[in-house]
Amino acid sequence: MPYYRRLYELLRKHIREGVYKEGDLLPSENELCSLYQLTRPTVRQALSALVNDGYIRKQQGKGSIVNKIPQGIGILSVSGTTTALKNQNLKTITIEKPRVITWPGNFMFGLSETEKESGCIYMTRLRLLNELPIFYDISYIPNINLPRFTARKFDNRSLFDVLRKTYQLEITSGEQKIRAIKAEQKVCDFLQIRTGHPVLHMERKMHTNRPGLNIYSSIYCNTREHAIYGTF
């Protein structure tokens, strides 16, 4: 893992765990350089990543100030649901373990030739908040240079964290389509709602720092108890 990512992960962990709270100042760039034996460009790169992910803001004359971490469901954020919900009672259950398949016909987004030729890693998960099912999540990941991915376990683990820490694959931006639909029986069973109950269906394409490799997902959202949260 690059040195700036190590510092990013450490500071991110401290913010999530409340070592640094909203309004607190992080150590100065000089202090971080001295404390972790890093160069100033490396420290600045780590702080820039924290700014991009919404953890801190830079204020001239003060330094790096910790932001309030969103308490809603941050499905609209590239930082991911697990990050947004922090230490709340979020549970992730793998329904179908990762396996390599051919891409479904009439896929929700256009695919590059490389993606088509490589096939995709397919898995499904159920996300629960305080034991209430809120997301039925279907992931499609191009099978491109992700060794042993299908052997990994994703119960109560963040997909974004695994991609970031294990494969140095970062979500940089994305696009999504959101529709209100009537849930089919399979979705109703997973989300514990009645047949035909309206749900939000989100189709997402997430761009990464690796050219030509995007992460795709189809998510069914039960918003009965929790609103979908995002900042812009």
C-alpha atoms as a PDB file:
ATOM      1  CA  MET A   1       0.000   0.000   0.000  1.00  0.00           C
ATOM      2  CA  PRO A   2       1.453   3.432  -0.896  1.00  0.00           C
ATOM      3  CA  TYR A   3       2.636   5.501   2.050  1.00  0.00           C
ATOM      4  CA  TYR A   4      -0.010   8.180   1.525  1.00  0.00           C
ATOM      5  CA  ARG A   5      -2.733   5.496   1.636  1.00  0.00           C
ATOM      6  CA  ARG A   6      -1.371   4.165   4.907  1.00  0.00           C
ATOM      7  CA  LEU A   7      -1.612   7.628   6.444  1.00  0.00           C
ATOM      8  CA  TYR A   8      -5.056   8.132   4.883  1.00  0.00           C
ATOM      9  CA  GLU A   9      -6.317   4.847   6.349  1.00  0.00           C
ATOM     10  CA  LEU A  10      -4.918   5.693   9.787  1.00  0.00           C
ATOM     11  CA  LEU A  11      -6.430   9.183   9.922  1.00  0.00           C
ATOM     12  CA  ARG A  12      -9.702   7.913   8.457  1.00  0.00           C
ATOM     13  CA  LYS A  13      -9.830   5.233  11.184  1.00  0.00           C
ATOM     14  CA  HIS A  14      -9.176   7.817  13.900  1.00  0.00           C
ATOM     15  CA  ILE A  15     -11.956  10.054  12.572  1.00  0.00           C
ATOM     16  CA  ARG A  16     -14.445   7.178  12.311  1.00  0.00           C
ATOM     17  CA  GLU A  17     -13.607   5.993  15.828  1.00  0.00           C
ATOM     18  CA  GLY A  18     -14.000   9.474  17.304  1.00  0.00           C
ATOM     19  CA  VAL A  19     -10.361  10.135  18.158  1.00  0.00           C
ATOM     20  CA  TYR A  20     -10.894  13.319  16.138  1.00  0.00           C
ATOM     21  CA  LYS A  21     -14.424  14.691  16.319  1.00  0.00           C
ATOM     22  CA  GLU A  22     -16.327  17.269  14.270  1.00  0.00           C
ATOM     23  CA  GLY A  23     -14.524  20.614  14.415  1.00  0.00           C
ATOM     24  CA  ASP A  24     -11.250  19.163  15.709  1.00  0.00           C
ATOM     25  CA  LEU A  25      -7.985  20.039  14.003  1.00  0.00           C
ATOM     26  CA  LEU A  26      -5.806  17.254  12.680  1.00  0.00           C
ATOM     27  CA  PRO A  27      -2.078  17.534  13.391  1.00  0.00           C
ATOM     28  CA  SER A  28      -0.328  19.988  11.084  1.00  0.00           C
ATOM     29  CA  GLU A  29       1.480  18.842   7.964  1.00  0.00           C
ATOM     30  CA  ASN A  30       4.804  19.363   9.723  1.00  0.00           C
ATOM     31  CA  GLU A  31       3.659  17.296  12.703  1.00  0.00           C
ATOM     32  CA  LEU A  32       2.404  14.475  10.479  1.00  0.00           C
ATOM     33  CA  CYS A  33       5.672  14.477   8.540  1.00  0.00           C
ATOM     34  CA  SER A  34       7.678  14.246  11.754  1.00  0.00           C
ATOM     35  CA  LEU A  35       5.394  11.744  13.483  1.00  0.00           C
ATOM     36  CA  TYR A  36       5.189   9.241  10.612  1.00  0.00           C
ATOM     37  CA  GLN A  37       8.522   9.977   8.883  1.00  0.00           C
ATOM     38  CA  LEU A  38       6.841  11.010   5.646  1.00  0.00           C
ATOM     39  CA  THR A  39       7.555  13.675   3.052  1.00  0.00           C
ATOM     40  CA  ARG A  40       5.329  16.735   2.756  1.00  0.00           C
ATOM     41  CA  PRO A  41       3.968  15.709  -0.698  1.00  0.00           C
ATOM     42  CA  THR A  42       2.975  12.329   0.749  1.00  0.00           C
ATOM     43  CA  VAL A  43       1.173  13.948   3.693  1.00  0.00           C
ATOM     44  CA  ARG A  44      -0.581  16.417   1.405  1.00  0.00           C
ATOM     45  CA  GLN A  45      -1.748  13.577  -0.846  1.00  0.00           C
ATOM     46  CA  ALA A  46      -3.256  11.769   2.149  1.00  0.00           C
ATOM     47  CA  LEU A  47      -5.012  14.929   3.351  1.00  0.00           C
ATOM     48  CA  SER A  48      -6.324  15.627  -0.156  1.00  0.00           C
ATOM     49  CA  ALA A  49      -7.865  12.152  -0.237  1.00  0.00           C
ATOM     50  CA  LEU A  50      -9.574  12.853   3.105  1.00  0.00           C
ATOM     51  CA  VAL A  51     -10.917  16.132   1.706  1.00  0.00           C
ATOM     52  CA  ASN A  52     -12.232  14.365  -1.406  1.00  0.00           C
ATOM     53  CA  ASP A  53     -14.018  11.776   0.740  1.00  0.00           C
ATOM     54  CA  GLY A  54     -15.603  14.459   2.914  1.00  0.00           C
ATOM     55  CA  TYR A  55     -13.802  13.670   6.162  1.00  0.00           C
ATOM     56  CA  ILE A  56     -12.013  17.008   6.510  1.00  0.00           C
ATOM     57  CA  ARG A  57     -11.947  20.489   5.031  1.00  0.00           C
ATOM     58  CA  LYS A  58      -8.945  22.741   4.620  1.00  0.00           C
ATOM     59  CA  GLN A  59      -9.124  26.255   6.038  1.00  0.00           C
ATOM     60  CA  GLN A  60      -6.342  28.708   5.367  1.00  0.00           C
ATOM     61  CA  GLY A  61      -4.636  29.818   8.544  1.00  0.00           C
ATOM     62  CA  LYS A  62      -6.112  26.944  10.574  1.00  0.00           C
ATOM     63  CA  GLY A  63      -5.336  23.659   8.847  1.00  0.00           C
ATOM     64  CA  SER A  64      -7.331  20.439   8.449  1.00  0.00           C
ATOM     65  CA  ILE A  65     -10.707  20.545  10.227  1.00  0.00           C
ATOM     66  CA  VAL A  66     -12.753  17.388  10.775  1.00  0.00           C
ATOM     67  CA  ASN A  67     -16.210  17.441   9.179  1.00  0.00           C
ATOM     68  CA  LYS A  68     -19.397  16.008  10.585  1.00  0.00           C
ATOM     69  CA  ILE A  69     -19.729  12.486   9.273  1.00  0.00           C
ATOM     70  CA  PRO A  70     -23.158  11.922   7.635  1.00  0.00           C
ATOM     71  CA  GLN A  71     -25.513   9.875   9.814  1.00  0.00           C
ATOM     72  CA  GLY A  72     -27.871   8.882   7.021  1.00  0.00           C
ATOM     73  CA  ILE A  73     -27.364   6.128   4.488  1.00  0.00           C
ATOM     74  CA  GLY A  74     -24.603   7.328   2.232  1.00  0.00           C
ATOM     75  CA  ILE A  75     -25.382   5.189  -0.768  1.00  0.00           C
ATOM     76  CA  LEU A  76     -24.950   8.225  -3.024  1.00  0.00           C
ATOM     77  CA  SER A  77     -21.351   8.694  -1.881  1.00  0.00           C
ATOM     78  CA  VAL A  78     -18.256   7.082  -3.347  1.00  0.00           C
ATOM     79  CA  SER A  79     -17.084   6.471   0.218  1.00  0.00           C
ATOM     80  CA  GLY A  80     -19.680   3.710   0.543  1.00  0.00           C
ATOM     81  CA  THR A  81     -22.446   2.660   2.898  1.00  0.00           C
ATOM     82  CA  THR A  82     -20.212   1.185   5.602  1.00  0.00           C
ATOM     83  CA  THR A  83     -18.231   4.423   5.843  1.00  0.00           C
ATOM     84  CA  ALA A  84     -21.340   6.591   6.008  1.00  0.00           C
ATOM     85  CA  LEU A  85     -22.984   4.542   8.730  1.00  0.00           C
ATOM     86  CA  LYS A  86     -19.790   4.348  10.839  1.00  0.00           C
ATOM     87  CA  ASN A  87     -20.418   2.373  14.018  1.00  0.00           C
ATOM     88  CA  GLN A  88     -24.154   1.984  13.665  1.00  0.00           C
ATOM     89  CA  ASN A  89     -25.555  -1.539  13.758  1.00  0.00           C
ATOM     90  CA  LEU A  90     -24.947  -2.371  10.110  1.00  0.00           C
ATOM     91  CA  LYS A  91     -24.805  -6.021   9.100  1.00  0.00           C
ATOM     92  CA  THR A  92     -23.835  -7.426   5.709  1.00  0.00           C
ATOM     93  CA  ILE A  93     -24.876 -10.949   4.714  1.00  0.00           C
ATOM     94  CA  THR A  94     -23.528 -12.600   1.584  1.00  0.00           C
ATOM     95  CA  ILE A  95     -26.351 -14.352  -0.261  1.00  0.00           C
ATOM     96  CA  GLU A  96     -24.437 -15.541  -3.329  1.00  0.00           C
ATOM     97  CA  LYS A  97     -20.669 -15.802  -2.965  1.00  0.00           C
ATOM     98  CA  PRO A  98     -18.469 -14.176  -5.634  1.00  0.00           C
ATOM     99  CA  ARG A  99     -18.208 -16.232  -8.813  1.00  0.00           C
ATOM    100  CA  VAL A 100     -17.139 -15.545 -12.397  1.00  0.00           C
ATOM    101  CA  ILE A 101     -19.932 -15.446 -14.987  1.00  0.00           C
ATOM    102  CA  THR A 102     -20.526 -14.006 -18.432  1.00  0.00           C
ATOM    103  CA  TRP A 103     -22.099 -10.562 -18.477  1.00  0.00           C
ATOM    104  CA  PRO A 104     -25.920 -10.570 -18.512  1.00  0.00           C
ATOM    105  CA  GLY A 105     -27.553  -9.651 -21.788  1.00  0.00           C
ATOM    106  CA  ASN A 106     -28.936  -6.131 -22.138  1.00  0.00           C
ATOM    107  CA  PHE A 107     -26.665  -4.971 -19.324  1.00  0.00           C
ATOM    108  CA  MET A 108     -27.646  -1.717 -17.597  1.00  0.00           C
ATOM    109  CA  PHE A 109     -24.553   0.178 -18.823  1.00  0.00           C
ATOM    110  CA  GLY A 110     -22.392  -0.036 -21.911  1.00  0.00           C
ATOM    111  CA  LEU A 111     -19.265  -2.176 -21.478  1.00  0.00           C
ATOM    112  CA  SER A 112     -15.809  -1.858 -22.996  1.00  0.00           C
ATOM    113  CA  GLU A 113     -14.485  -4.698 -25.170  1.00  0.00           C
ATOM    114  CA  THR A 114     -11.982  -5.619 -22.456  1.00  0.00           C
ATOM    115  CA  GLU A 115     -14.753  -5.855 -19.856  1.00  0.00           C
ATOM    116  CA  LYS A 116     -16.879  -7.996 -22.171  1.00  0.00           C
ATOM    117  CA  GLU A 117     -13.987 -10.340 -22.967  1.00  0.00           C
ATOM    118  CA  SER A 118     -12.968 -10.785 -19.316  1.00  0.00           C
ATOM    119  CA  GLY A 119     -16.350 -11.704 -17.885  1.00  0.00           C
ATOM    120  CA  CYS A 120     -17.532 -10.425 -14.528  1.00  0.00           C
ATOM    121  CA  ILE A 121     -17.378 -11.365 -10.881  1.00  0.00           C
ATOM    122  CA  TYR A 122     -20.956 -11.612  -9.641  1.00  0.00           C
ATOM    123  CA  MET A 123     -22.169 -11.614  -6.051  1.00  0.00           C
ATOM    124  CA  THR A 124     -25.252 -10.605  -4.093  1.00  0.00           C
ATOM    125  CA  ARG A 125     -25.490  -9.284  -0.543  1.00  0.00           C
ATOM    126  CA  LEU A 126     -28.139  -8.120   1.893  1.00  0.00           C
ATOM    127  CA  ARG A 127     -27.458  -5.080   4.098  1.00  0.00           C
ATOM    128  CA  LEU A 128     -29.352  -4.705   7.366  1.00  0.00           C
ATOM    129  CA  LEU A 129     -29.472  -1.721   9.710  1.00  0.00           C
ATOM    130  CA  ASN A 130     -30.626  -2.544  13.254  1.00  0.00           C
ATOM    131  CA  GLU A 131     -31.775  -5.933  11.891  1.00  0.00           C
ATOM    132  CA  LEU A 132     -34.018  -4.276   9.265  1.00  0.00           C
ATOM    133  CA  PRO A 133     -33.143  -5.204   5.654  1.00  0.00           C
ATOM    134  CA  ILE A 134     -32.460  -1.990   3.755  1.00  0.00           C
ATOM    135  CA  PHE A 135     -30.436  -2.957   0.647  1.00  0.00           C
ATOM    136  CA  TYR A 136     -30.430  -5.964  -1.644  1.00  0.00           C
ATOM    137  CA  ASP A 137     -27.189  -5.388  -3.537  1.00  0.00           C
ATOM    138  CA  ILE A 138     -26.095  -7.140  -6.747  1.00  0.00           C
ATOM    139  CA  SER A 139     -22.471  -6.451  -7.719  1.00  0.00           C
ATOM    140  CA  TYR A 140     -20.845  -6.888 -11.139  1.00  0.00           C
ATOM    141  CA  ILE A 141     -17.060  -6.473 -11.155  1.00  0.00           C
ATOM    142  CA  PRO A 142     -14.937  -6.974 -14.291  1.00  0.00           C
ATOM    143  CA  ASN A 143     -12.715 -10.019 -13.842  1.00  0.00           C
ATOM    144  CA  ILE A 144      -9.549  -8.064 -14.619  1.00  0.00           C
ATOM    145  CA  ASN A 145      -6.440  -8.558 -12.471  1.00  0.00           C
ATOM    146  CA  LEU A 146      -8.258  -9.239  -9.203  1.00  0.00           C
ATOM    147  CA  PRO A 147      -6.479 -12.411  -8.005  1.00  0.00           C
ATOM    148  CA  ARG A 148      -8.277 -14.618  -5.483  1.00  0.00           C
ATOM    149  CA  PHE A 149     -11.227 -12.246  -5.348  1.00  0.00           C
ATOM    150  CA  THR A 150     -13.745 -15.097  -5.492  1.00  0.00           C
ATOM    151  CA  ALA A 151     -12.082 -16.690  -2.452  1.00  0.00           C
ATOM    152  CA  ARG A 152     -12.640 -13.643  -0.257  1.00  0.00           C
ATOM    153  CA  LYS A 153     -15.389 -13.374   2.331  1.00  0.00           C
ATOM    154  CA  PHE A 154     -17.675 -10.335   2.390  1.00  0.00           C
ATOM    155  CA  ASP A 155     -19.896 -10.937   5.402  1.00  0.00           C
ATOM    156  CA  ASN A 156     -19.783  -7.733   7.463  1.00  0.00           C
ATOM    157  CA  ARG A 157     -17.040  -6.349   5.241  1.00  0.00           C
ATOM    158  CA  SER A 158     -16.970  -3.304   3.012  1.00  0.00           C
ATOM    159  CA  LEU A 159     -16.470  -4.032  -0.684  1.00  0.00           C
ATOM    160  CA  PHE A 160     -14.872  -0.615  -1.136  1.00  0.00           C
ATOM    161  CA  ASP A 161     -12.426  -1.306   1.693  1.00  0.00           C
ATOM    162  CA  VAL A 162     -11.390  -4.629   0.154  1.00  0.00           C
ATOM    163  CA  LEU A 163     -10.894  -3.056  -3.248  1.00  0.00           C
ATOM    164  CA  ARG A 164      -8.930  -0.169  -1.771  1.00  0.00           C
ATOM    165  CA  LYS A 165      -6.713  -2.044   0.686  1.00  0.00           C
ATOM    166  CA  THR A 166      -6.104  -5.289  -1.205  1.00  0.00           C
ATOM    167  CA  TYR A 167      -6.075  -4.201  -4.844  1.00  0.00           C
ATOM    168  CA  GLN A 168      -5.282  -0.466  -4.561  1.00  0.00           C
ATOM    169  CA  LEU A 169      -8.482   0.091  -6.510  1.00  0.00           C
ATOM    170  CA  GLU A 170     -10.156   3.359  -5.569  1.00  0.00           C
ATOM    171  CA  ILE A 171     -13.608   4.589  -6.498  1.00  0.00           C
ATOM    172  CA  THR A 172     -13.081   8.045  -7.977  1.00  0.00           C
ATOM    173  CA  SER A 173     -16.512   9.007  -9.325  1.00  0.00           C
ATOM    174  CA  GLY A 174     -19.651   7.475 -10.698  1.00  0.00           C
ATOM    175  CA  GLU A 175     -23.023   7.725 -12.339  1.00  0.00           C
ATOM    176  CA  GLN A 176     -26.345   6.215 -11.382  1.00  0.00           C
ATOM    177  CA  LYS A 177     -29.929   5.821 -12.466  1.00  0.00           C
ATOM    178  CA  ILE A 178     -32.671   5.781  -9.832  1.00  0.00           C
ATOM    179  CA  ARG A 179     -36.246   4.642 -10.377  1.00  0.00           C
ATOM    180  CA  ALA A 180     -39.193   3.838  -8.143  1.00  0.00           C
ATOM    181  CA  ILE A 181     -40.492   0.377  -9.057  1.00  0.00           C
ATOM    182  CA  LYS A 182     -42.821  -2.293  -7.718  1.00  0.00           C
ATOM    183  CA  ALA A 183     -40.711  -4.983  -6.113  1.00  0.00           C
ATOM    184  CA  GLU A 184     -40.780  -8.485  -7.534  1.00  0.00           C
ATOM    185  CA  GLN A 185     -41.257 -11.462  -5.226  1.00  0.00           C
ATOM    186  CA  LYS A 186     -37.558 -12.271  -4.793  1.00  0.00           C
ATOM    187  CA  VAL A 187     -36.746  -8.699  -3.748  1.00  0.00           C
ATOM    188  CA  CYS A 188     -39.771  -8.602  -1.437  1.00  0.00           C
ATOM    189  CA  ASP A 189     -38.594 -11.747   0.310  1.00  0.00           C
ATOM    190  CA  PHE A 190     -35.136 -10.348   0.941  1.00  0.00           C
ATOM    191  CA  LEU A 191     -36.346  -6.924   2.073  1.00  0.00           C
ATOM    192  CA  GLN A 192     -39.279  -8.346   4.067  1.00  0.00           C
ATOM    193  CA  ILE A 193     -41.900  -6.244   2.320  1.00  0.00           C
ATOM    194  CA  ARG A 194     -45.172  -7.175   0.670  1.00  0.00           C
ATOM    195  CA  THR A 195     -45.359  -8.046  -3.010  1.00  0.00           C
ATOM    196  CA  GLY A 196     -45.689  -4.974  -5.192  1.00  0.00           C
ATOM    197  CA  HIS A 197     -44.462  -2.641  -2.471  1.00  0.00           C
ATOM    198  CA  PRO A 198     -42.578   0.319  -4.021  1.00  0.00           C
ATOM    199  CA  VAL A 199     -38.788   0.284  -3.707  1.00  0.00           C
ATOM    200  CA  LEU A 200     -36.023   2.439  -5.087  1.00  0.00           C
ATOM    201  CA  HIS A 201     -33.953   0.691  -7.719  1.00  0.00           C
ATOM    202  CA  MET A 202     -30.475   2.147  -8.235  1.00  0.00           C
ATOM    203  CA  GLU A 203     -28.217   1.156 -11.127  1.00  0.00           C
ATOM    204  CA  ARG A 204     -24.669   2.363 -10.530  1.00  0.00           C
ATOM    205  CA  LYS A 205     -21.480   2.601 -12.549  1.00  0.00           C
ATOM    206  CA  MET A 206     -18.481   3.530 -10.422  1.00  0.00           C
ATOM    207  CA  HIS A 207     -15.297   4.695 -12.075  1.00  0.00           C
ATOM    208  CA  THR A 208     -11.976   3.669 -10.550  1.00  0.00           C
ATOM    209  CA  ASN A 209      -8.374   4.844 -10.653  1.00  0.00           C
ATOM    210  CA  ARG A 210      -7.601   1.931 -12.999  1.00  0.00           C
ATOM    211  CA  PRO A 211      -8.424   2.943 -16.585  1.00  0.00           C
ATOM    212  CA  GLY A 212     -11.029   0.740 -18.201  1.00  0.00           C
ATOM    213  CA  LEU A 213     -12.175  -0.933 -14.978  1.00  0.00           C
ATOM    214  CA  ASN A 214     -15.537   0.104 -13.558  1.00  0.00           C
ATOM    215  CA  ILE A 215     -17.580  -1.387 -10.737  1.00  0.00           C
ATOM    216  CA  TYR A 216     -21.293  -1.937 -11.386  1.00  0.00           C
ATOM    217  CA  SER A 217     -24.156  -2.590  -9.008  1.00  0.00           C
ATOM    218  CA  SER A 218     -27.907  -2.978  -9.004  1.00  0.00           C
ATOM    219  CA  ILE A 219     -29.363  -2.047  -5.616  1.00  0.00           C
ATOM    220  CA  TYR A 220     -32.921  -2.381  -4.339  1.00  0.00           C
ATOM    221  CA  CYS A 221     -33.555  -0.019  -1.412  1.00  0.00           C
ATOM    222  CA  ASN A 222     -36.175  -0.309   1.305  1.00  0.00           C
ATOM    223  CA  THR A 223     -36.719   3.299   2.419  1.00  0.00           C
ATOM    224  CA  ARG A 224     -39.588   2.601   4.788  1.00  0.00           C
ATOM    225  CA  GLU A 225     -37.545   3.457   7.890  1.00  0.00           C
ATOM    226  CA  HIS A 226     -34.409   5.147   6.530  1.00  0.00           C
ATOM    227  CA  ALA A 227     -34.074   7.843   3.899  1.00  0.00           C
ATOM    228  CA  ILE A 228     -31.345   7.674   1.286  1.00  0.00           C
ATOM    229  CA  TYR A 229     -28.739  10.257   2.218  1.00  0.00           C
ATOM    230  CA  GLY A 230     -26.233  12.092   0.030  1.00  0.00           C
ATOM    231  CA  THR A 231     -24.319  15.346  -0.030  1.00  0.00           C
ATOM    232  CA  PHE A 232     -23.524  17.484  -3.068  1.00  0.00           C
END
